[in-house]
Amino acid sequence: MRAVAMLAFSLLAVTSLSYSQGMPVNAVQSRINTLASDLRSNGIEQVEVLRIPPRVLTRTRVTPAMLERGYHYKLTIRDLRGGAYQPDLLAAVAATVVQPAEDMGDLRWGIIFFDTNGQRVASLYFDASGHRGAVDSTPVSFQGGIGEWLSTNFSKAFR
């Protein structure tokens, strides 16, 4: 009985240590953690925000490719580094938790990140609620962070 208790305690300690050291839980969360690190080190220079307002009806759900081809609004932040949006965006990315999901929903927001060489680093897509979407092309569910940042900063401008 004592051996079982010691084993359970050891597993709990290792799991807690892994989370406290920021180890990713899944591959898509790892992408988000890498993106936060890139933002922290000024490795992300440009950000594009895409939007199709929820009032715009479509025959099918909007996918990442459809959003990138058919957006209604596009905002480009040419140099994020040291700009007004960087601290809040970094905090939002760092606070974002993602889990793989079955489907990505009807996408209405996109945010595409580019490094200092102009190479695409990551793309995130969100439904109108900001809780379902995709990391690159992987369907995910989102908690906190970036969806709220997008809505807070750009909803009024992108009606």
C-alpha atoms as a PDB file:
ATOM      1  CA  MET A   1       0.000   0.000   0.000  1.00  0.00           C
ATOM      2  CA  ARG A   2       2.836   2.354   0.869  1.00  0.00           C
ATOM      3  CA  ALA A   3       4.535   1.627  -2.481  1.00  0.00           C
ATOM      4  CA  VAL A   4       1.337   2.515  -4.361  1.00  0.00           C
ATOM      5  CA  ALA A   5       1.028   5.778  -2.422  1.00  0.00           C
ATOM      6  CA  MET A   6       4.684   6.644  -3.154  1.00  0.00           C
ATOM      7  CA  LEU A   7       4.197   5.880  -6.855  1.00  0.00           C
ATOM      8  CA  ALA A   8       1.068   8.049  -7.012  1.00  0.00           C
ATOM      9  CA  PHE A   9       2.860  10.884  -5.226  1.00  0.00           C
ATOM     10  CA  SER A  10       5.846  10.602  -7.611  1.00  0.00           C
ATOM     11  CA  LEU A  11       3.610  10.724 -10.679  1.00  0.00           C
ATOM     12  CA  LEU A  12       1.790  13.743  -9.298  1.00  0.00           C
ATOM     13  CA  ALA A  13       5.077  15.521  -8.568  1.00  0.00           C
ATOM     14  CA  VAL A  14       6.463  14.830 -12.056  1.00  0.00           C
ATOM     15  CA  THR A  15       3.216  16.005 -13.685  1.00  0.00           C
ATOM     16  CA  SER A  16       3.169  19.181 -11.588  1.00  0.00           C
ATOM     17  CA  LEU A  17       6.829  19.840 -12.379  1.00  0.00           C
ATOM     18  CA  SER A  18       6.182  19.409 -16.106  1.00  0.00           C
ATOM     19  CA  TYR A  19       3.341  21.945 -16.043  1.00  0.00           C
ATOM     20  CA  SER A  20       5.307  24.416 -13.924  1.00  0.00           C
ATOM     21  CA  GLN A  21       8.190  24.250 -16.396  1.00  0.00           C
ATOM     22  CA  GLY A  22       5.817  25.084 -19.265  1.00  0.00           C
ATOM     23  CA  MET A  23       6.058  21.761 -21.059  1.00  0.00           C
ATOM     24  CA  PRO A  24       3.396  21.527 -23.769  1.00  0.00           C
ATOM     25  CA  VAL A  25       0.409  19.297 -23.276  1.00  0.00           C
ATOM     26  CA  ASN A  26      -0.162  18.681 -26.998  1.00  0.00           C
ATOM     27  CA  ALA A  27       1.328  19.587 -30.378  1.00  0.00           C
ATOM     28  CA  VAL A  28      -0.967  22.558 -31.045  1.00  0.00           C
ATOM     29  CA  GLN A  29      -0.301  23.989 -27.581  1.00  0.00           C
ATOM     30  CA  SER A  30       3.386  23.618 -28.369  1.00  0.00           C
ATOM     31  CA  ARG A  31       2.850  25.791 -31.487  1.00  0.00           C
ATOM     32  CA  ILE A  32       1.199  28.456 -29.317  1.00  0.00           C
ATOM     33  CA  ASN A  33       4.059  28.296 -26.795  1.00  0.00           C
ATOM     34  CA  THR A  34       6.600  28.686 -29.608  1.00  0.00           C
ATOM     35  CA  LEU A  35       4.659  31.647 -30.991  1.00  0.00           C
ATOM     36  CA  ALA A  36       4.708  33.300 -27.537  1.00  0.00           C
ATOM     37  CA  SER A  37       8.462  32.741 -27.363  1.00  0.00           C
ATOM     38  CA  ASP A  38       8.921  34.269 -30.834  1.00  0.00           C
ATOM     39  CA  LEU A  39       6.866  37.303 -29.808  1.00  0.00           C
ATOM     40  CA  ARG A  40       8.849  37.662 -26.580  1.00  0.00           C
ATOM     41  CA  SER A  41      12.170  37.625 -28.460  1.00  0.00           C
ATOM     42  CA  ASN A  42      10.961  40.067 -31.164  1.00  0.00           C
ATOM     43  CA  GLY A  43      11.079  37.284 -33.756  1.00  0.00           C
ATOM     44  CA  ILE A  44       7.640  38.267 -35.074  1.00  0.00           C
ATOM     45  CA  GLU A  45       7.682  41.437 -37.129  1.00  0.00           C
ATOM     46  CA  GLN A  46       4.444  41.554 -39.093  1.00  0.00           C
ATOM     47  CA  VAL A  47       0.904  40.507 -38.235  1.00  0.00           C
ATOM     48  CA  GLU A  48      -2.116  40.383 -40.531  1.00  0.00           C
ATOM     49  CA  VAL A  49      -5.615  40.361 -39.055  1.00  0.00           C
ATOM     50  CA  LEU A  50      -8.400  39.094 -41.338  1.00  0.00           C
ATOM     51  CA  ARG A  51     -12.130  39.374 -40.733  1.00  0.00           C
ATOM     52  CA  ILE A  52     -15.415  38.279 -42.241  1.00  0.00           C
ATOM     53  CA  PRO A  53     -18.180  39.797 -40.104  1.00  0.00           C
ATOM     54  CA  PRO A  54     -20.625  37.299 -38.571  1.00  0.00           C
ATOM     55  CA  ARG A  55     -23.557  39.074 -40.282  1.00  0.00           C
ATOM     56  CA  VAL A  56     -22.178  37.948 -43.661  1.00  0.00           C
ATOM     57  CA  LEU A  57     -23.894  34.698 -44.585  1.00  0.00           C
ATOM     58  CA  THR A  58     -22.147  31.965 -46.562  1.00  0.00           C
ATOM     59  CA  ARG A  59     -23.402  28.721 -48.093  1.00  0.00           C
ATOM     60  CA  THR A  60     -20.851  26.656 -46.201  1.00  0.00           C
ATOM     61  CA  ARG A  61     -18.691  27.117 -43.153  1.00  0.00           C
ATOM     62  CA  VAL A  62     -15.707  29.390 -43.763  1.00  0.00           C
ATOM     63  CA  THR A  63     -12.387  27.495 -43.779  1.00  0.00           C
ATOM     64  CA  PRO A  64      -8.882  28.956 -43.352  1.00  0.00           C
ATOM     65  CA  ALA A  65      -8.365  29.024 -47.147  1.00  0.00           C
ATOM     66  CA  MET A  66     -11.748  30.675 -47.732  1.00  0.00           C
ATOM     67  CA  LEU A  67     -11.035  33.299 -45.064  1.00  0.00           C
ATOM     68  CA  GLU A  68      -7.666  34.145 -46.604  1.00  0.00           C
ATOM     69  CA  ARG A  69      -9.204  34.462 -50.093  1.00  0.00           C
ATOM     70  CA  GLY A  70     -12.489  36.123 -49.192  1.00  0.00           C
ATOM     71  CA  TYR A  71     -11.909  38.323 -46.149  1.00  0.00           C
ATOM     72  CA  HIS A  72     -13.870  41.575 -45.955  1.00  0.00           C
ATOM     73  CA  TYR A  73     -11.302  43.378 -43.818  1.00  0.00           C
ATOM     74  CA  LYS A  74      -7.557  43.108 -43.506  1.00  0.00           C
ATOM     75  CA  LEU A  75      -5.353  45.011 -41.097  1.00  0.00           C
ATOM     76  CA  THR A  76      -1.579  44.755 -41.401  1.00  0.00           C
ATOM     77  CA  ILE A  77       0.701  45.665 -38.534  1.00  0.00           C
ATOM     78  CA  ARG A  78       3.956  46.071 -40.462  1.00  0.00           C
ATOM     79  CA  ASP A  79       6.280  46.198 -37.465  1.00  0.00           C
ATOM     80  CA  LEU A  80       4.852  44.783 -34.273  1.00  0.00           C
ATOM     81  CA  ARG A  81       8.167  44.947 -32.386  1.00  0.00           C
ATOM     82  CA  GLY A  82       7.995  47.599 -29.702  1.00  0.00           C
ATOM     83  CA  GLY A  83       4.623  48.817 -30.965  1.00  0.00           C
ATOM     84  CA  ALA A  84       1.467  49.522 -29.021  1.00  0.00           C
ATOM     85  CA  TYR A  85      -0.060  46.092 -29.725  1.00  0.00           C
ATOM     86  CA  GLN A  86       2.938  43.907 -28.860  1.00  0.00           C
ATOM     87  CA  PRO A  87       2.624  43.693 -25.042  1.00  0.00           C
ATOM     88  CA  ASP A  88      -1.087  42.868 -25.068  1.00  0.00           C
ATOM     89  CA  LEU A  89      -0.735  40.421 -27.965  1.00  0.00           C
ATOM     90  CA  LEU A  90       2.136  38.650 -26.203  1.00  0.00           C
ATOM     91  CA  ALA A  91       0.074  38.412 -23.003  1.00  0.00           C
ATOM     92  CA  ALA A  92      -2.909  37.107 -24.998  1.00  0.00           C
ATOM     93  CA  VAL A  93      -0.858  34.442 -26.786  1.00  0.00           C
ATOM     94  CA  ALA A  94       0.788  33.370 -23.529  1.00  0.00           C
ATOM     95  CA  ALA A  95      -2.657  33.070 -21.883  1.00  0.00           C
ATOM     96  CA  THR A  96      -4.137  30.993 -24.706  1.00  0.00           C
ATOM     97  CA  VAL A  97      -4.847  27.316 -24.097  1.00  0.00           C
ATOM     98  CA  VAL A  98      -5.677  25.114 -27.079  1.00  0.00           C
ATOM     99  CA  GLN A  99      -6.872  21.552 -27.414  1.00  0.00           C
ATOM    100  CA  PRO A 100      -7.331  19.529 -30.604  1.00  0.00           C
ATOM    101  CA  ALA A 101     -10.986  19.416 -31.693  1.00  0.00           C
ATOM    102  CA  GLU A 102     -13.162  17.564 -34.171  1.00  0.00           C
ATOM    103  CA  ASP A 103     -14.082  20.600 -36.274  1.00  0.00           C
ATOM    104  CA  MET A 104     -13.071  24.231 -36.487  1.00  0.00           C
ATOM    105  CA  GLY A 105     -16.467  25.863 -36.877  1.00  0.00           C
ATOM    106  CA  ASP A 106     -17.383  28.745 -39.165  1.00  0.00           C
ATOM    107  CA  LEU A 107     -14.246  30.902 -39.161  1.00  0.00           C
ATOM    108  CA  ARG A 108     -14.577  34.681 -39.015  1.00  0.00           C
ATOM    109  CA  TRP A 109     -11.199  35.886 -37.705  1.00  0.00           C
ATOM    110  CA  GLY A 110      -7.683  35.099 -38.849  1.00  0.00           C
ATOM    111  CA  ILE A 111      -4.341  36.274 -37.561  1.00  0.00           C
ATOM    112  CA  ILE A 112      -1.196  35.472 -39.503  1.00  0.00           C
ATOM    113  CA  PHE A 113       2.280  35.952 -38.045  1.00  0.00           C
ATOM    114  CA  PHE A 114       5.434  36.659 -40.076  1.00  0.00           C
ATOM    115  CA  ASP A 115       9.042  36.638 -38.905  1.00  0.00           C
ATOM    116  CA  THR A 116      11.671  39.308 -39.570  1.00  0.00           C
ATOM    117  CA  ASN A 117      12.437  37.748 -42.977  1.00  0.00           C
ATOM    118  CA  GLY A 118       8.811  37.970 -44.073  1.00  0.00           C
ATOM    119  CA  GLN A 119       8.281  34.219 -43.731  1.00  0.00           C
ATOM    120  CA  ARG A 120       4.960  32.979 -42.428  1.00  0.00           C
ATOM    121  CA  VAL A 121       5.440  31.513 -38.952  1.00  0.00           C
ATOM    122  CA  ALA A 122       1.922  30.640 -37.796  1.00  0.00           C
ATOM    123  CA  SER A 123      -1.718  31.284 -38.556  1.00  0.00           C
ATOM    124  CA  LEU A 124      -4.625  31.175 -36.136  1.00  0.00           C
ATOM    125  CA  TYR A 125      -8.299  31.199 -37.080  1.00  0.00           C
ATOM    126  CA  PHE A 126     -11.371  31.745 -34.903  1.00  0.00           C
ATOM    127  CA  ASP A 127     -15.120  31.429 -35.184  1.00  0.00           C
ATOM    128  CA  ALA A 128     -17.286  34.388 -34.139  1.00  0.00           C
ATOM    129  CA  SER A 129     -17.215  33.301 -30.480  1.00  0.00           C
ATOM    130  CA  GLY A 130     -13.414  33.005 -30.422  1.00  0.00           C
ATOM    131  CA  HIS A 131     -13.652  29.552 -28.832  1.00  0.00           C
ATOM    132  CA  ARG A 132     -13.338  27.282 -31.876  1.00  0.00           C
ATOM    133  CA  GLY A 133     -10.992  27.522 -34.809  1.00  0.00           C
ATOM    134  CA  ALA A 134      -7.654  26.298 -36.089  1.00  0.00           C
ATOM    135  CA  VAL A 135      -3.938  26.535 -35.510  1.00  0.00           C
ATOM    136  CA  ASP A 136      -2.610  26.506 -39.060  1.00  0.00           C
ATOM    137  CA  SER A 137      -4.916  23.802 -40.461  1.00  0.00           C
ATOM    138  CA  THR A 138      -5.507  21.809 -37.262  1.00  0.00           C
ATOM    139  CA  PRO A 139      -9.001  22.180 -35.723  1.00  0.00           C
ATOM    140  CA  VAL A 140      -8.826  23.300 -32.097  1.00  0.00           C
ATOM    141  CA  SER A 141     -10.795  24.740 -29.220  1.00  0.00           C
ATOM    142  CA  PHE A 142      -9.435  27.926 -27.650  1.00  0.00           C
ATOM    143  CA  GLN A 143      -9.641  29.167 -24.098  1.00  0.00           C
ATOM    144  CA  GLY A 144      -8.726  32.753 -23.228  1.00  0.00           C
ATOM    145  CA  GLY A 145      -6.161  34.873 -24.908  1.00  0.00           C
ATOM    146  CA  ILE A 146      -6.055  35.708 -28.579  1.00  0.00           C
ATOM    147  CA  GLY A 147      -9.740  35.480 -29.485  1.00  0.00           C
ATOM    148  CA  GLU A 148     -10.528  37.982 -26.757  1.00  0.00           C
ATOM    149  CA  TRP A 149      -7.632  40.214 -27.866  1.00  0.00           C
ATOM    150  CA  LEU A 150      -8.950  40.284 -31.447  1.00  0.00           C
ATOM    151  CA  SER A 151     -12.481  41.088 -30.366  1.00  0.00           C
ATOM    152  CA  THR A 152     -11.438  43.777 -27.900  1.00  0.00           C
ATOM    153  CA  ASN A 153      -9.109  45.552 -30.314  1.00  0.00           C
ATOM    154  CA  PHE A 154     -10.800  45.209 -33.698  1.00  0.00           C
ATOM    155  CA  SER A 155     -14.517  44.303 -33.459  1.00  0.00           C
ATOM    156  CA  LYS A 156     -15.686  47.916 -33.619  1.00  0.00           C
ATOM    157  CA  ALA A 157     -13.442  48.673 -36.589  1.00  0.00           C
ATOM    158  CA  PHE A 158     -14.453  45.544 -38.541  1.00  0.00           C
ATOM    159  CA  ARG A 159     -18.267  45.664 -38.481  1.00  0.00           C
END
